[in-house]
Amino acid sequence: MGKLLLMISSIDLGKLAVIRWIDAKEIGIGWHEQEEIDETNCPTIISIGWITGLTKLEIKLSADISEDPKDTQAGRSQAIPLGCVFDVKFLGNKEDFNSHVYS
């Protein structure tokens, strides 16, 4: 997963991306048999959104952003630990989507 640092950088802020990452999975409360523990796997998650932030530890992804560049609010946002990310595919820049007219 160390190659992720080569996949994404601050120049990618504002891009639309598909991010595949591994999330933790809790087995549940109480005591569990070893077989149940062994059979529990972390799920692979696919998240799609605008890259709105990047730190040394996390990538910030927002599903909803304003078309207005002065509006800095974003909706349905999450922070994904970089150590959990194993693939990033870029779908385009904000400008690519602002130029379309939908009817």
C-alpha atoms as a PDB file:
ATOM      1  CA  MET A   1       0.000   0.000   0.000  1.00  0.00           C
ATOM      2  CA  GLY A   2       3.029   2.274   0.108  1.00  0.00           C
ATOM      3  CA  LYS A   3       2.708   2.972  -3.623  1.00  0.00           C
ATOM      4  CA  LEU A   4      -0.407   5.078  -2.904  1.00  0.00           C
ATOM      5  CA  LEU A   5       1.820   8.062  -2.224  1.00  0.00           C
ATOM      6  CA  LEU A   6       2.778   7.896  -5.898  1.00  0.00           C
ATOM      7  CA  MET A   7      -0.883   7.622  -6.983  1.00  0.00           C
ATOM      8  CA  ILE A   8      -2.229  10.762  -5.333  1.00  0.00           C
ATOM      9  CA  SER A   9      -0.895  14.186  -4.385  1.00  0.00           C
ATOM     10  CA  SER A  10      -2.085  17.709  -3.660  1.00  0.00           C
ATOM     11  CA  ILE A  11      -2.374  18.397  -7.413  1.00  0.00           C
ATOM     12  CA  ASP A  12      -5.312  15.962  -7.396  1.00  0.00           C
ATOM     13  CA  LEU A  13      -7.441  18.190  -5.138  1.00  0.00           C
ATOM     14  CA  GLY A  14     -10.754  18.944  -6.835  1.00  0.00           C
ATOM     15  CA  LYS A  15     -10.703  15.836  -9.026  1.00  0.00           C
ATOM     16  CA  LEU A  16     -13.530  13.308  -9.154  1.00  0.00           C
ATOM     17  CA  ALA A  17     -12.231   9.888  -8.146  1.00  0.00           C
ATOM     18  CA  VAL A  18     -13.179   6.280  -7.487  1.00  0.00           C
ATOM     19  CA  ILE A  19     -11.324   5.049  -4.405  1.00  0.00           C
ATOM     20  CA  ARG A  20     -11.078   1.373  -3.455  1.00  0.00           C
ATOM     21  CA  TRP A  21     -10.088   0.742   0.146  1.00  0.00           C
ATOM     22  CA  ILE A  22     -10.238  -1.849   2.913  1.00  0.00           C
ATOM     23  CA  ASP A  23     -12.428  -1.067   5.930  1.00  0.00           C
ATOM     24  CA  ALA A  24     -12.296  -2.597   9.387  1.00  0.00           C
ATOM     25  CA  LYS A  25     -15.041  -5.017  10.403  1.00  0.00           C
ATOM     26  CA  GLU A  26     -16.038  -5.668  13.975  1.00  0.00           C
ATOM     27  CA  ILE A  27     -17.195  -9.191  14.678  1.00  0.00           C
ATOM     28  CA  GLY A  28     -19.592  -8.116  17.389  1.00  0.00           C
ATOM     29  CA  ILE A  29     -19.831  -7.835  21.135  1.00  0.00           C
ATOM     30  CA  GLY A  30     -18.992 -10.670  23.478  1.00  0.00           C
ATOM     31  CA  TRP A  31     -16.819 -13.743  23.117  1.00  0.00           C
ATOM     32  CA  HIS A  32     -16.281 -15.529  19.792  1.00  0.00           C
ATOM     33  CA  GLU A  33     -14.985 -18.889  18.693  1.00  0.00           C
ATOM     34  CA  GLN A  34     -11.672 -18.808  16.865  1.00  0.00           C
ATOM     35  CA  GLU A  35     -13.347 -20.208  13.732  1.00  0.00           C
ATOM     36  CA  GLU A  36     -15.698 -17.193  13.602  1.00  0.00           C
ATOM     37  CA  ILE A  37     -12.747 -14.843  14.104  1.00  0.00           C
ATOM     38  CA  ASP A  38     -10.764 -16.579  11.337  1.00  0.00           C
ATOM     39  CA  GLU A  39     -13.701 -16.406   8.897  1.00  0.00           C
ATOM     40  CA  THR A  40     -14.272 -12.675   9.390  1.00  0.00           C
ATOM     41  CA  ASN A  41     -12.683 -10.560   6.655  1.00  0.00           C
ATOM     42  CA  CYS A  42     -12.387  -6.837   6.141  1.00  0.00           C
ATOM     43  CA  PRO A  43     -14.698  -5.608   3.355  1.00  0.00           C
ATOM     44  CA  THR A  44     -13.463  -3.874   0.225  1.00  0.00           C
ATOM     45  CA  ILE A  45     -15.224  -0.523  -0.138  1.00  0.00           C
ATOM     46  CA  ILE A  46     -15.694   1.532  -3.313  1.00  0.00           C
ATOM     47  CA  SER A  47     -16.177   5.247  -2.664  1.00  0.00           C
ATOM     48  CA  ILE A  48     -16.823   7.850  -5.361  1.00  0.00           C
ATOM     49  CA  GLY A  49     -16.482  11.580  -4.819  1.00  0.00           C
ATOM     50  CA  TRP A  50     -14.542  14.790  -5.148  1.00  0.00           C
ATOM     51  CA  ILE A  51     -11.120  14.933  -3.494  1.00  0.00           C
ATOM     52  CA  THR A  52     -11.579  17.866  -1.133  1.00  0.00           C
ATOM     53  CA  GLY A  53      -8.590  17.355   1.136  1.00  0.00           C
ATOM     54  CA  LEU A  54      -5.409  15.386   1.628  1.00  0.00           C
ATOM     55  CA  THR A  55      -3.200  15.002   4.691  1.00  0.00           C
ATOM     56  CA  LYS A  56      -0.295  12.685   5.498  1.00  0.00           C
ATOM     57  CA  LEU A  57      -2.805  10.228   6.978  1.00  0.00           C
ATOM     58  CA  GLU A  58      -6.129  10.727   5.170  1.00  0.00           C
ATOM     59  CA  ILE A  59      -7.841  11.530   1.932  1.00  0.00           C
ATOM     60  CA  LYS A  60     -11.008  13.637   2.260  1.00  0.00           C
ATOM     61  CA  LEU A  61     -13.762  12.744  -0.174  1.00  0.00           C
ATOM     62  CA  SER A  62     -17.029  14.630  -0.690  1.00  0.00           C
ATOM     63  CA  ALA A  63     -19.956  13.347  -2.749  1.00  0.00           C
ATOM     64  CA  ASP A  64     -21.526  16.778  -3.184  1.00  0.00           C
ATOM     65  CA  ILE A  65     -19.805  20.062  -4.028  1.00  0.00           C
ATOM     66  CA  SER A  66     -21.108  23.376  -5.314  1.00  0.00           C
ATOM     67  CA  GLU A  67     -20.678  24.452  -8.899  1.00  0.00           C
ATOM     68  CA  ASP A  68     -19.891  27.951  -7.555  1.00  0.00           C
ATOM     69  CA  PRO A  69     -16.132  28.173  -6.809  1.00  0.00           C
ATOM     70  CA  LYS A  70     -16.821  30.716  -4.014  1.00  0.00           C
ATOM     71  CA  ASP A  71     -19.004  28.203  -2.142  1.00  0.00           C
ATOM     72  CA  THR A  72     -16.614  26.112  -0.042  1.00  0.00           C
ATOM     73  CA  GLN A  73     -19.209  23.851   1.582  1.00  0.00           C
ATOM     74  CA  ALA A  74     -19.414  20.159   0.689  1.00  0.00           C
ATOM     75  CA  GLY A  75     -21.874  17.417   1.542  1.00  0.00           C
ATOM     76  CA  ARG A  76     -21.728  13.706   2.357  1.00  0.00           C
ATOM     77  CA  SER A  77     -18.017  13.815   3.173  1.00  0.00           C
ATOM     78  CA  GLN A  78     -15.707  11.248   4.686  1.00  0.00           C
ATOM     79  CA  ALA A  79     -12.079  10.843   5.709  1.00  0.00           C
ATOM     80  CA  ILE A  80     -10.470   7.618   4.494  1.00  0.00           C
ATOM     81  CA  PRO A  81      -7.146   6.507   6.035  1.00  0.00           C
ATOM     82  CA  LEU A  82      -4.482   6.468   3.309  1.00  0.00           C
ATOM     83  CA  GLY A  83      -3.097   3.215   4.668  1.00  0.00           C
ATOM     84  CA  CYS A  84      -6.387   1.516   3.788  1.00  0.00           C
ATOM     85  CA  VAL A  85      -6.515   2.760   0.171  1.00  0.00           C
ATOM     86  CA  PHE A  86      -5.195   0.428  -2.506  1.00  0.00           C
ATOM     87  CA  ASP A  87      -6.504   1.957  -5.748  1.00  0.00           C
ATOM     88  CA  VAL A  88      -7.479   5.406  -7.039  1.00  0.00           C
ATOM     89  CA  LYS A  89      -8.958   6.100 -10.474  1.00  0.00           C
ATOM     90  CA  PHE A  90      -9.532   9.693 -11.551  1.00  0.00           C
ATOM     91  CA  LEU A  91     -12.684  10.469 -13.547  1.00  0.00           C
ATOM     92  CA  GLY A  92     -12.034  14.119 -14.330  1.00  0.00           C
ATOM     93  CA  ASN A  93     -11.737  17.646 -13.018  1.00  0.00           C
ATOM     94  CA  LYS A  94     -14.525  19.857 -11.708  1.00  0.00           C
ATOM     95  CA  GLU A  95     -14.226  22.018 -14.829  1.00  0.00           C
ATOM     96  CA  ASP A  96     -14.980  18.972 -17.016  1.00  0.00           C
ATOM     97  CA  PHE A  97     -18.397  18.657 -15.397  1.00  0.00           C
ATOM     98  CA  ASN A  98     -19.227  22.364 -15.132  1.00  0.00           C
ATOM     99  CA  SER A  99     -19.108  22.779 -18.916  1.00  0.00           C
ATOM    100  CA  HIS A 100     -22.048  20.441 -19.598  1.00  0.00           C
ATOM    101  CA  VAL A 101     -25.635  21.588 -19.866  1.00  0.00           C
ATOM    102  CA  TYR A 102     -28.247  19.013 -18.883  1.00  0.00           C
ATOM    103  CA  SER A 103     -31.892  19.262 -19.856  1.00  0.00           C
END
